[in-house]
Amino acid sequence: MATDFIIYNFTRSMAEQGDFSHFLRLYGPDKLPTGSRLREMMNGMIFGITGYDDDPREIHSISEIRQFYKAFHAAWPYWLYFCNLDTEVLRMMVACCLPSIAALKVDHHPNVAVECKPLELLSLVCDDFGPMNIMCERAQMSERAIYDRSKAVFEYFGMPFNSEPPPE
């Protein structure tokens, strides 16, 4: 697992233009290491978009950001491998990619609760296990390590994971 985080902030203009080319020049599949160096990158990325601090809308309700994350996800579908599961960032990015979400703001609470259709979330997450597994294989991870990451992803999204671990 990652010891150092890669914090990558897209700018507002990058988001509005749908431009993630700089990121892909740094972290496109052809630029990524293999083996232990790639294993060290697992759970090590945190993404953000700067320039919306004065916008009163929640990130998931800004159409430019939703469009940006959908396009970014289509171009670089390795989020489940790289994104840090100790923050809310991946949930927000995934919420931006879902066809429909509902947000609930409770008075006197700073956070907004975002709800989605469970089958839409499950579909997106399940589709992303293919790209995640490509990175796991490239990182030469054991079956147990892949199982552990898969379980962590399911738990992160609050979904049940009822699979037995692989035999040692």
N, C-alpha and C. Protein backbone atom coordinates (compact mmCIF):
# COMPACT_ATOMS: atom_id res chain seq x y z
N MET A 1 0.84 -1.19 0.00
CA MET A 1 0.00 0.00 0.00
C MET A 1 0.88 1.24 0.00
N ALA A 2 0.28 2.32 -0.44
CA ALA A 2 1.03 3.56 -0.61
C ALA A 2 1.56 4.09 0.71
N THR A 3 2.78 4.60 0.65
CA THR A 3 3.34 5.29 1.80
C THR A 3 3.33 6.79 1.57
N ASP A 4 3.46 7.20 0.32
CA ASP A 4 3.37 8.61 -0.06
C ASP A 4 2.14 8.77 -0.95
N PHE A 5 1.45 9.88 -0.76
CA PHE A 5 0.27 10.13 -1.58
C PHE A 5 0.63 10.99 -2.79
N ILE A 6 -0.05 10.73 -3.87
CA ILE A 6 0.01 11.60 -5.03
C ILE A 6 -1.29 12.39 -5.00
N ILE A 7 -1.19 13.68 -4.78
CA ILE A 7 -2.37 14.55 -4.79
C ILE A 7 -2.36 15.28 -6.11
N TYR A 8 -3.36 14.99 -6.92
CA TYR A 8 -3.42 15.61 -8.25
C TYR A 8 -4.67 16.49 -8.31
N ASN A 9 -4.43 17.78 -8.50
CA ASN A 9 -5.53 18.73 -8.61
C ASN A 9 -5.67 19.19 -10.06
N PHE A 10 -6.84 18.95 -10.60
CA PHE A 10 -7.19 19.51 -11.90
C PHE A 10 -7.67 20.93 -11.64
N THR A 11 -7.45 21.81 -12.60
CA THR A 11 -7.93 23.18 -12.45
C THR A 11 -9.35 23.29 -13.01
N ARG A 12 -10.00 24.37 -12.67
CA ARG A 12 -11.34 24.61 -13.19
C ARG A 12 -11.33 24.64 -14.72
N SER A 13 -10.34 25.29 -15.30
CA SER A 13 -10.31 25.35 -16.77
C SER A 13 -10.07 23.97 -17.37
N MET A 14 -9.26 23.13 -16.72
CA MET A 14 -9.07 21.76 -17.20
C MET A 14 -10.41 21.02 -17.16
N ALA A 15 -11.14 21.18 -16.07
CA ALA A 15 -12.43 20.50 -15.93
C ALA A 15 -13.41 21.00 -17.00
N GLU A 16 -13.48 22.31 -17.17
CA GLU A 16 -14.43 22.87 -18.13
C GLU A 16 -14.09 22.49 -19.57
N GLN A 17 -12.80 22.29 -19.84
CA GLN A 17 -12.37 21.90 -21.19
C GLN A 17 -12.28 20.38 -21.35
N GLY A 18 -12.52 19.64 -20.26
CA GLY A 18 -12.41 18.18 -20.31
C GLY A 18 -10.98 17.74 -20.61
N ASP A 19 -10.01 18.47 -20.07
CA ASP A 19 -8.60 18.23 -20.39
C ASP A 19 -7.88 17.56 -19.22
N PHE A 20 -7.59 16.29 -19.38
CA PHE A 20 -6.81 15.56 -18.39
C PHE A 20 -5.55 15.00 -19.05
N SER A 21 -5.14 15.63 -20.16
CA SER A 21 -3.99 15.16 -20.92
C SER A 21 -2.70 15.21 -20.10
N HIS A 22 -2.52 16.24 -19.28
CA HIS A 22 -1.31 16.31 -18.47
C HIS A 22 -1.24 15.12 -17.51
N PHE A 23 -2.36 14.80 -16.88
CA PHE A 23 -2.39 13.64 -15.98
C PHE A 23 -2.01 12.37 -16.75
N LEU A 24 -2.59 12.18 -17.93
CA LEU A 24 -2.30 10.97 -18.71
C LEU A 24 -0.85 10.92 -19.16
N ARG A 25 -0.24 12.08 -19.40
CA ARG A 25 1.19 12.09 -19.75
C ARG A 25 2.04 11.60 -18.58
N LEU A 26 1.56 11.82 -17.37
CA LEU A 26 2.28 11.37 -16.18
C LEU A 26 1.92 9.95 -15.75
N TYR A 27 0.61 9.62 -15.85
CA TYR A 27 0.11 8.38 -15.25
C TYR A 27 -0.72 7.52 -16.21
N GLY A 28 -0.59 7.75 -17.48
CA GLY A 28 -1.26 6.87 -18.44
C GLY A 28 -0.71 5.46 -18.28
N PRO A 29 -1.46 4.45 -18.73
CA PRO A 29 -1.01 3.07 -18.54
C PRO A 29 0.40 2.80 -19.06
N ASP A 30 0.78 3.47 -20.15
CA ASP A 30 2.12 3.27 -20.70
C ASP A 30 3.21 3.93 -19.86
N LYS A 31 2.83 4.79 -18.92
CA LYS A 31 3.79 5.49 -18.06
C LYS A 31 3.95 4.83 -16.68
N LEU A 32 3.05 3.95 -16.35
CA LEU A 32 3.04 3.37 -15.01
C LEU A 32 4.09 2.28 -14.87
N PRO A 33 4.68 2.16 -13.68
CA PRO A 33 5.67 1.10 -13.45
C PRO A 33 4.99 -0.26 -13.34
N THR A 34 5.77 -1.27 -13.07
CA THR A 34 5.25 -2.62 -12.84
C THR A 34 5.78 -3.11 -11.49
N GLY A 35 5.32 -4.27 -11.09
CA GLY A 35 5.84 -4.92 -9.89
C GLY A 35 5.68 -4.09 -8.62
N SER A 36 6.71 -4.13 -7.79
CA SER A 36 6.62 -3.51 -6.47
C SER A 36 6.43 -1.99 -6.55
N ARG A 37 6.98 -1.34 -7.56
CA ARG A 37 6.79 0.12 -7.67
C ARG A 37 5.32 0.45 -7.91
N LEU A 38 4.62 -0.38 -8.69
CA LEU A 38 3.19 -0.17 -8.92
C LEU A 38 2.40 -0.55 -7.67
N ARG A 39 2.79 -1.60 -6.98
CA ARG A 39 2.12 -1.98 -5.73
C ARG A 39 2.16 -0.85 -4.72
N GLU A 40 3.26 -0.13 -4.67
CA GLU A 40 3.40 0.99 -3.74
C GLU A 40 2.43 2.13 -4.06
N MET A 41 1.93 2.18 -5.28
CA MET A 41 1.01 3.25 -5.69
C MET A 41 -0.45 2.94 -5.35
N MET A 42 -0.74 1.67 -5.02
CA MET A 42 -2.12 1.31 -4.69
C MET A 42 -2.59 2.14 -3.51
N ASN A 43 -3.82 2.64 -3.60
CA ASN A 43 -4.44 3.41 -2.52
C ASN A 43 -3.72 4.74 -2.29
N GLY A 44 -2.95 5.19 -3.26
CA GLY A 44 -2.09 6.34 -3.03
C GLY A 44 -2.43 7.62 -3.76
N MET A 45 -3.57 7.67 -4.45
CA MET A 45 -3.90 8.90 -5.18
C MET A 45 -5.14 9.57 -4.61
N ILE A 46 -5.06 10.88 -4.56
CA ILE A 46 -6.19 11.70 -4.14
C ILE A 46 -6.36 12.78 -5.21
N PHE A 47 -7.57 12.90 -5.72
CA PHE A 47 -7.85 13.85 -6.79
C PHE A 47 -8.68 15.02 -6.27
N GLY A 48 -8.56 16.13 -6.95
CA GLY A 48 -9.37 17.29 -6.63
C GLY A 48 -9.50 18.17 -7.86
N ILE A 49 -10.39 19.11 -7.78
CA ILE A 49 -10.56 20.12 -8.82
C ILE A 49 -10.58 21.47 -8.12
N THR A 50 -9.62 22.30 -8.46
CA THR A 50 -9.53 23.62 -7.84
C THR A 50 -10.31 24.64 -8.67
N GLY A 51 -10.66 25.74 -8.03
CA GLY A 51 -11.31 26.83 -8.74
C GLY A 51 -12.81 26.91 -8.54
N TYR A 52 -13.35 26.03 -7.73
CA TYR A 52 -14.79 26.04 -7.46
C TYR A 52 -15.09 26.39 -6.01
N ASP A 53 -14.08 26.91 -5.30
CA ASP A 53 -14.25 27.19 -3.87
C ASP A 53 -15.37 28.18 -3.58
N ASP A 54 -15.59 29.13 -4.49
CA ASP A 54 -16.63 30.14 -4.28
C ASP A 54 -17.99 29.71 -4.82
N ASP A 55 -18.04 28.53 -5.43
CA ASP A 55 -19.30 28.04 -6.00
C ASP A 55 -20.11 27.40 -4.87
N PRO A 56 -21.33 27.85 -4.63
CA PRO A 56 -22.10 27.30 -3.51
C PRO A 56 -22.62 25.87 -3.75
N ARG A 57 -22.60 25.43 -4.99
CA ARG A 57 -23.10 24.08 -5.30
C ARG A 57 -22.12 23.01 -4.81
N GLU A 58 -22.67 21.87 -4.51
CA GLU A 58 -21.86 20.71 -4.18
C GLU A 58 -21.20 20.21 -5.47
N ILE A 59 -20.02 19.64 -5.33
CA ILE A 59 -19.25 19.17 -6.49
C ILE A 59 -20.08 18.27 -7.40
N HIS A 60 -20.80 17.34 -6.80
CA HIS A 60 -21.56 16.36 -7.59
C HIS A 60 -22.74 16.98 -8.33
N SER A 61 -23.06 18.24 -8.03
CA SER A 61 -24.18 18.88 -8.73
C SER A 61 -23.71 19.89 -9.78
N ILE A 62 -22.43 20.01 -9.99
CA ILE A 62 -21.89 20.93 -11.01
C ILE A 62 -21.72 20.14 -12.30
N SER A 63 -22.48 20.49 -13.30
CA SER A 63 -22.51 19.68 -14.53
C SER A 63 -21.14 19.57 -15.19
N GLU A 64 -20.34 20.63 -15.17
CA GLU A 64 -19.01 20.56 -15.79
C GLU A 64 -18.13 19.54 -15.08
N ILE A 65 -18.24 19.46 -13.77
CA ILE A 65 -17.44 18.49 -13.01
C ILE A 65 -17.96 17.08 -13.26
N ARG A 66 -19.26 16.92 -13.30
CA ARG A 66 -19.82 15.59 -13.60
C ARG A 66 -19.34 15.12 -14.97
N GLN A 67 -19.42 16.00 -15.96
CA GLN A 67 -18.96 15.63 -17.31
C GLN A 67 -17.47 15.32 -17.33
N PHE A 68 -16.70 16.13 -16.60
CA PHE A 68 -15.26 15.92 -16.56
C PHE A 68 -14.93 14.55 -15.95
N TYR A 69 -15.51 14.24 -14.80
CA TYR A 69 -15.19 12.96 -14.15
C TYR A 69 -15.68 11.78 -14.99
N LYS A 70 -16.79 11.91 -15.68
CA LYS A 70 -17.25 10.83 -16.56
C LYS A 70 -16.23 10.59 -17.67
N ALA A 71 -15.75 11.66 -18.29
CA ALA A 71 -14.77 11.53 -19.37
C ALA A 71 -13.43 11.02 -18.83
N PHE A 72 -13.01 11.52 -17.68
CA PHE A 72 -11.77 11.07 -17.06
C PHE A 72 -11.85 9.59 -16.71
N HIS A 73 -12.98 9.17 -16.18
CA HIS A 73 -13.18 7.77 -15.84
C HIS A 73 -13.12 6.88 -17.07
N ALA A 74 -13.72 7.33 -18.17
CA ALA A 74 -13.69 6.55 -19.41
C ALA A 74 -12.26 6.42 -19.94
N ALA A 75 -11.47 7.48 -19.79
CA ALA A 75 -10.10 7.46 -20.30
C ALA A 75 -9.11 6.76 -19.37
N TRP A 76 -9.39 6.79 -18.07
CA TRP A 76 -8.46 6.23 -17.07
C TRP A 76 -9.29 5.53 -16.00
N PRO A 77 -9.73 4.28 -16.26
CA PRO A 77 -10.67 3.59 -15.37
C PRO A 77 -10.03 2.83 -14.20
N TYR A 78 -8.90 3.29 -13.73
CA TYR A 78 -8.16 2.56 -12.71
C TYR A 78 -8.39 3.09 -11.30
N TRP A 79 -9.47 3.79 -11.10
CA TRP A 79 -9.74 4.45 -9.84
C TRP A 79 -9.72 3.49 -8.65
N LEU A 80 -10.30 2.30 -8.81
CA LEU A 80 -10.40 1.38 -7.67
C LEU A 80 -9.04 0.90 -7.20
N TYR A 81 -8.07 0.90 -8.08
CA TYR A 81 -6.72 0.50 -7.69
C TYR A 81 -5.99 1.66 -7.01
N PHE A 82 -6.04 2.83 -7.62
CA PHE A 82 -5.20 3.94 -7.17
C PHE A 82 -5.81 4.84 -6.11
N CYS A 83 -7.11 5.06 -6.15
CA CYS A 83 -7.71 6.05 -5.25
C CYS A 83 -7.63 5.62 -3.80
N ASN A 84 -7.34 6.59 -2.95
CA ASN A 84 -7.24 6.35 -1.52
C ASN A 84 -8.63 6.10 -0.94
N LEU A 85 -8.75 5.05 -0.17
CA LEU A 85 -10.04 4.68 0.41
C LEU A 85 -10.24 5.24 1.81
N ASP A 86 -9.33 6.08 2.26
CA ASP A 86 -9.47 6.69 3.58
C ASP A 86 -10.09 8.08 3.52
N THR A 87 -10.45 8.52 2.34
CA THR A 87 -11.08 9.83 2.16
C THR A 87 -12.42 9.64 1.44
N GLU A 88 -13.18 10.70 1.35
CA GLU A 88 -14.47 10.68 0.65
C GLU A 88 -14.32 10.96 -0.85
N VAL A 89 -13.11 11.24 -1.30
CA VAL A 89 -12.89 11.70 -2.67
C VAL A 89 -13.40 10.71 -3.71
N LEU A 90 -13.07 9.44 -3.57
CA LEU A 90 -13.51 8.45 -4.55
C LEU A 90 -15.03 8.38 -4.60
N ARG A 91 -15.69 8.43 -3.45
CA ARG A 91 -17.17 8.41 -3.44
C ARG A 91 -17.73 9.58 -4.26
N MET A 92 -17.14 10.75 -4.08
CA MET A 92 -17.60 11.93 -4.80
C MET A 92 -17.35 11.76 -6.30
N MET A 93 -16.18 11.26 -6.67
CA MET A 93 -15.88 11.07 -8.09
C MET A 93 -16.85 10.08 -8.71
N VAL A 94 -17.10 8.99 -8.02
CA VAL A 94 -18.04 7.98 -8.52
C VAL A 94 -19.45 8.56 -8.61
N ALA A 95 -19.86 9.32 -7.61
CA ALA A 95 -21.19 9.95 -7.64
C ALA A 95 -21.34 10.82 -8.88
N CYS A 96 -20.26 11.48 -9.28
CA CYS A 96 -20.31 12.32 -10.48
C CYS A 96 -20.53 11.48 -11.75
N CYS A 97 -20.14 10.23 -11.71
CA CYS A 97 -20.26 9.36 -12.89
C CYS A 97 -21.59 8.62 -12.97
N LEU A 98 -22.35 8.63 -11.90
CA LEU A 98 -23.62 7.90 -11.89
C LEU A 98 -24.69 8.69 -12.62
N PRO A 99 -25.60 7.99 -13.28
CA PRO A 99 -26.66 8.67 -14.04
C PRO A 99 -27.58 9.52 -13.16
N SER A 100 -27.83 9.07 -11.94
CA SER A 100 -28.74 9.83 -11.08
C SER A 100 -28.29 9.73 -9.63
N ILE A 101 -28.38 10.87 -8.95
CA ILE A 101 -28.07 10.91 -7.53
C ILE A 101 -29.07 11.85 -6.86
N ALA A 102 -29.21 11.70 -5.56
CA ALA A 102 -30.04 12.61 -4.78
C ALA A 102 -29.19 13.13 -3.63
N ALA A 103 -29.28 14.42 -3.38
CA ALA A 103 -28.51 15.03 -2.30
C ALA A 103 -29.47 15.57 -1.26
N LEU A 104 -29.11 15.37 0.00
CA LEU A 104 -29.94 15.83 1.10
C LEU A 104 -29.10 16.68 2.02
N LYS A 105 -29.49 17.93 2.20
CA LYS A 105 -28.81 18.86 3.10
C LYS A 105 -29.62 18.99 4.37
N VAL A 106 -28.98 18.73 5.49
CA VAL A 106 -29.63 18.83 6.79
C VAL A 106 -29.19 20.14 7.43
N ASP A 107 -30.16 20.90 7.93
CA ASP A 107 -29.84 22.18 8.58
C ASP A 107 -28.81 21.97 9.69
N HIS A 108 -27.89 22.91 9.77
CA HIS A 108 -26.87 22.96 10.81
C HIS A 108 -25.84 21.83 10.70
N HIS A 109 -25.80 21.14 9.58
CA HIS A 109 -24.77 20.13 9.33
C HIS A 109 -23.99 20.56 8.10
N PRO A 110 -22.65 20.51 8.17
CA PRO A 110 -21.85 21.01 7.05
C PRO A 110 -21.86 20.10 5.83
N ASN A 111 -22.10 18.82 6.01
CA ASN A 111 -22.02 17.88 4.89
C ASN A 111 -23.38 17.61 4.28
N VAL A 112 -23.34 17.23 3.03
CA VAL A 112 -24.54 16.84 2.31
C VAL A 112 -24.51 15.32 2.14
N ALA A 113 -25.62 14.68 2.40
CA ALA A 113 -25.72 13.23 2.18
C ALA A 113 -26.09 13.00 0.72
N VAL A 114 -25.31 12.17 0.06
CA VAL A 114 -25.56 11.86 -1.34
C VAL A 114 -26.02 10.42 -1.42
N GLU A 115 -27.16 10.22 -2.05
CA GLU A 115 -27.68 8.87 -2.23
C GLU A 115 -27.77 8.57 -3.71
N CYS A 116 -27.56 7.31 -4.03
CA CYS A 116 -27.65 6.88 -5.42
C CYS A 116 -28.45 5.59 -5.47
N LYS A 117 -28.79 5.21 -6.67
CA LYS A 117 -29.48 3.93 -6.86
C LYS A 117 -28.44 2.82 -6.68
N PRO A 118 -28.67 1.92 -5.75
CA PRO A 118 -27.66 0.89 -5.45
C PRO A 118 -27.22 0.08 -6.68
N LEU A 119 -28.16 -0.22 -7.58
CA LEU A 119 -27.77 -1.01 -8.76
C LEU A 119 -26.88 -0.22 -9.71
N GLU A 120 -27.08 1.10 -9.79
CA GLU A 120 -26.20 1.94 -10.63
C GLU A 120 -24.79 1.96 -10.04
N LEU A 121 -24.70 2.10 -8.73
CA LEU A 121 -23.40 2.09 -8.07
C LEU A 121 -22.73 0.73 -8.24
N LEU A 122 -23.46 -0.33 -7.99
CA LEU A 122 -22.92 -1.68 -8.12
C LEU A 122 -22.41 -1.93 -9.54
N SER A 123 -23.18 -1.49 -10.53
CA SER A 123 -22.79 -1.69 -11.91
C SER A 123 -21.47 -0.97 -12.23
N LEU A 124 -21.35 0.28 -11.81
CA LEU A 124 -20.13 1.03 -12.07
C LEU A 124 -18.94 0.38 -11.36
N VAL A 125 -19.11 0.05 -10.09
CA VAL A 125 -18.01 -0.54 -9.33
C VAL A 125 -17.62 -1.89 -9.93
N CYS A 126 -18.58 -2.72 -10.25
CA CYS A 126 -18.26 -4.03 -10.83
C CYS A 126 -17.55 -3.90 -12.17
N ASP A 127 -17.96 -2.94 -12.98
CA ASP A 127 -17.28 -2.71 -14.26
C ASP A 127 -15.83 -2.30 -14.05
N ASP A 128 -15.55 -1.64 -12.94
CA ASP A 128 -14.20 -1.15 -12.68
C ASP A 128 -13.27 -2.21 -12.11
N PHE A 129 -13.80 -3.37 -11.75
CA PHE A 129 -12.91 -4.41 -11.25
C PHE A 129 -12.01 -4.97 -12.35
N GLY A 130 -12.45 -4.93 -13.59
CA GLY A 130 -11.59 -5.37 -14.70
C GLY A 130 -10.32 -4.53 -14.78
N PRO A 131 -10.46 -3.19 -14.90
CA PRO A 131 -9.26 -2.34 -14.91
C PRO A 131 -8.43 -2.47 -13.62
N MET A 132 -9.11 -2.59 -12.47
CA MET A 132 -8.36 -2.76 -11.22
C MET A 132 -7.53 -4.03 -11.27
N ASN A 133 -8.12 -5.11 -11.75
CA ASN A 133 -7.40 -6.38 -11.82
C ASN A 133 -6.22 -6.33 -12.79
N ILE A 134 -6.36 -5.55 -13.86
CA ILE A 134 -5.23 -5.37 -14.79
C ILE A 134 -4.04 -4.77 -14.04
N MET A 135 -4.33 -3.75 -13.22
CA MET A 135 -3.25 -3.12 -12.44
C MET A 135 -2.71 -4.08 -11.38
N CYS A 136 -3.59 -4.87 -10.75
CA CYS A 136 -3.14 -5.84 -9.75
C CYS A 136 -2.20 -6.87 -10.37
N GLU A 137 -2.55 -7.36 -11.55
CA GLU A 137 -1.70 -8.33 -12.23
C GLU A 137 -0.38 -7.69 -12.63
N ARG A 138 -0.45 -6.48 -13.15
CA ARG A 138 0.76 -5.76 -13.55
C ARG A 138 1.67 -5.50 -12.34
N ALA A 139 1.05 -5.31 -11.18
CA ALA A 139 1.81 -5.10 -9.95
C ALA A 139 2.28 -6.42 -9.33
N GLN A 140 1.93 -7.53 -9.97
CA GLN A 140 2.33 -8.87 -9.52
C GLN A 140 1.87 -9.14 -8.08
N MET A 141 0.61 -8.79 -7.83
CA MET A 141 0.04 -8.98 -6.49
C MET A 141 -0.42 -10.42 -6.31
N SER A 142 -0.40 -10.86 -5.07
CA SER A 142 -0.89 -12.19 -4.75
C SER A 142 -2.41 -12.20 -4.83
N GLU A 143 -2.96 -13.40 -4.94
CA GLU A 143 -4.42 -13.53 -4.96
C GLU A 143 -5.02 -12.98 -3.67
N ARG A 144 -4.34 -13.19 -2.55
CA ARG A 144 -4.84 -12.69 -1.27
C ARG A 144 -4.84 -11.16 -1.24
N ALA A 145 -3.81 -10.52 -1.78
CA ALA A 145 -3.75 -9.06 -1.81
C ALA A 145 -4.86 -8.49 -2.70
N ILE A 146 -5.14 -9.17 -3.81
CA ILE A 146 -6.23 -8.73 -4.70
C ILE A 146 -7.57 -8.89 -3.98
N TYR A 147 -7.74 -10.00 -3.30
CA TYR A 147 -8.94 -10.23 -2.51
C TYR A 147 -9.11 -9.12 -1.47
N ASP A 148 -8.04 -8.80 -0.76
CA ASP A 148 -8.10 -7.78 0.29
C ASP A 148 -8.49 -6.41 -0.28
N ARG A 149 -7.94 -6.07 -1.44
CA ARG A 149 -8.30 -4.78 -2.05
C ARG A 149 -9.76 -4.80 -2.50
N SER A 150 -10.19 -5.88 -3.10
CA SER A 150 -11.59 -6.00 -3.54
C SER A 150 -12.53 -5.86 -2.36
N LYS A 151 -12.22 -6.53 -1.27
CA LYS A 151 -13.05 -6.45 -0.06
C LYS A 151 -13.07 -5.01 0.47
N ALA A 152 -11.93 -4.36 0.47
CA ALA A 152 -11.84 -2.97 0.95
C ALA A 152 -12.69 -2.04 0.09
N VAL A 153 -12.70 -2.27 -1.21
CA VAL A 153 -13.50 -1.43 -2.11
C VAL A 153 -14.99 -1.63 -1.82
N PHE A 154 -15.42 -2.87 -1.69
CA PHE A 154 -16.84 -3.13 -1.38
C PHE A 154 -17.23 -2.48 -0.06
N GLU A 155 -16.38 -2.62 0.95
CA GLU A 155 -16.68 -2.02 2.25
C GLU A 155 -16.69 -0.50 2.17
N TYR A 156 -15.80 0.08 1.40
CA TYR A 156 -15.73 1.53 1.22
C TYR A 156 -17.07 2.07 0.72
N PHE A 157 -17.68 1.34 -0.22
CA PHE A 157 -18.96 1.76 -0.79
C PHE A 157 -20.15 1.23 0.00
N GLY A 158 -19.91 0.58 1.13
CA GLY A 158 -20.99 0.09 1.97
C GLY A 158 -21.76 -1.07 1.36
N MET A 159 -21.09 -1.85 0.54
CA MET A 159 -21.72 -3.00 -0.09
C MET A 159 -21.23 -4.29 0.56
N PRO A 160 -22.09 -5.29 0.65
CA PRO A 160 -21.66 -6.55 1.26
C PRO A 160 -20.63 -7.27 0.40
N PHE A 161 -19.74 -7.96 1.05
CA PHE A 161 -18.71 -8.75 0.37
C PHE A 161 -18.69 -10.10 1.05
N ASN A 162 -19.29 -11.08 0.42
CA ASN A 162 -19.48 -12.39 1.04
C ASN A 162 -18.62 -13.48 0.40
N SER A 163 -17.49 -13.10 -0.11
CA SER A 163 -16.62 -14.07 -0.77
C SER A 163 -15.56 -14.57 0.22
N GLU A 164 -15.25 -15.82 0.13
CA GLU A 164 -14.22 -16.40 0.98
C GLU A 164 -12.85 -16.02 0.42
N PRO A 165 -11.86 -15.82 1.30
CA PRO A 165 -10.52 -15.52 0.79
C PRO A 165 -9.94 -16.71 0.05
N PRO A 166 -9.02 -16.45 -0.87
CA PRO A 166 -8.42 -17.56 -1.61
C PRO A 166 -7.56 -18.42 -0.68
N PRO A 167 -7.40 -19.68 -1.02
CA PRO A 167 -6.54 -20.54 -0.18
C PRO A 167 -5.10 -20.03 -0.25
N GLU A 168 -4.43 -20.16 0.85
CA GLU A 168 -3.03 -19.68 0.93
C GLU A 168 -2.08 -20.66 0.31
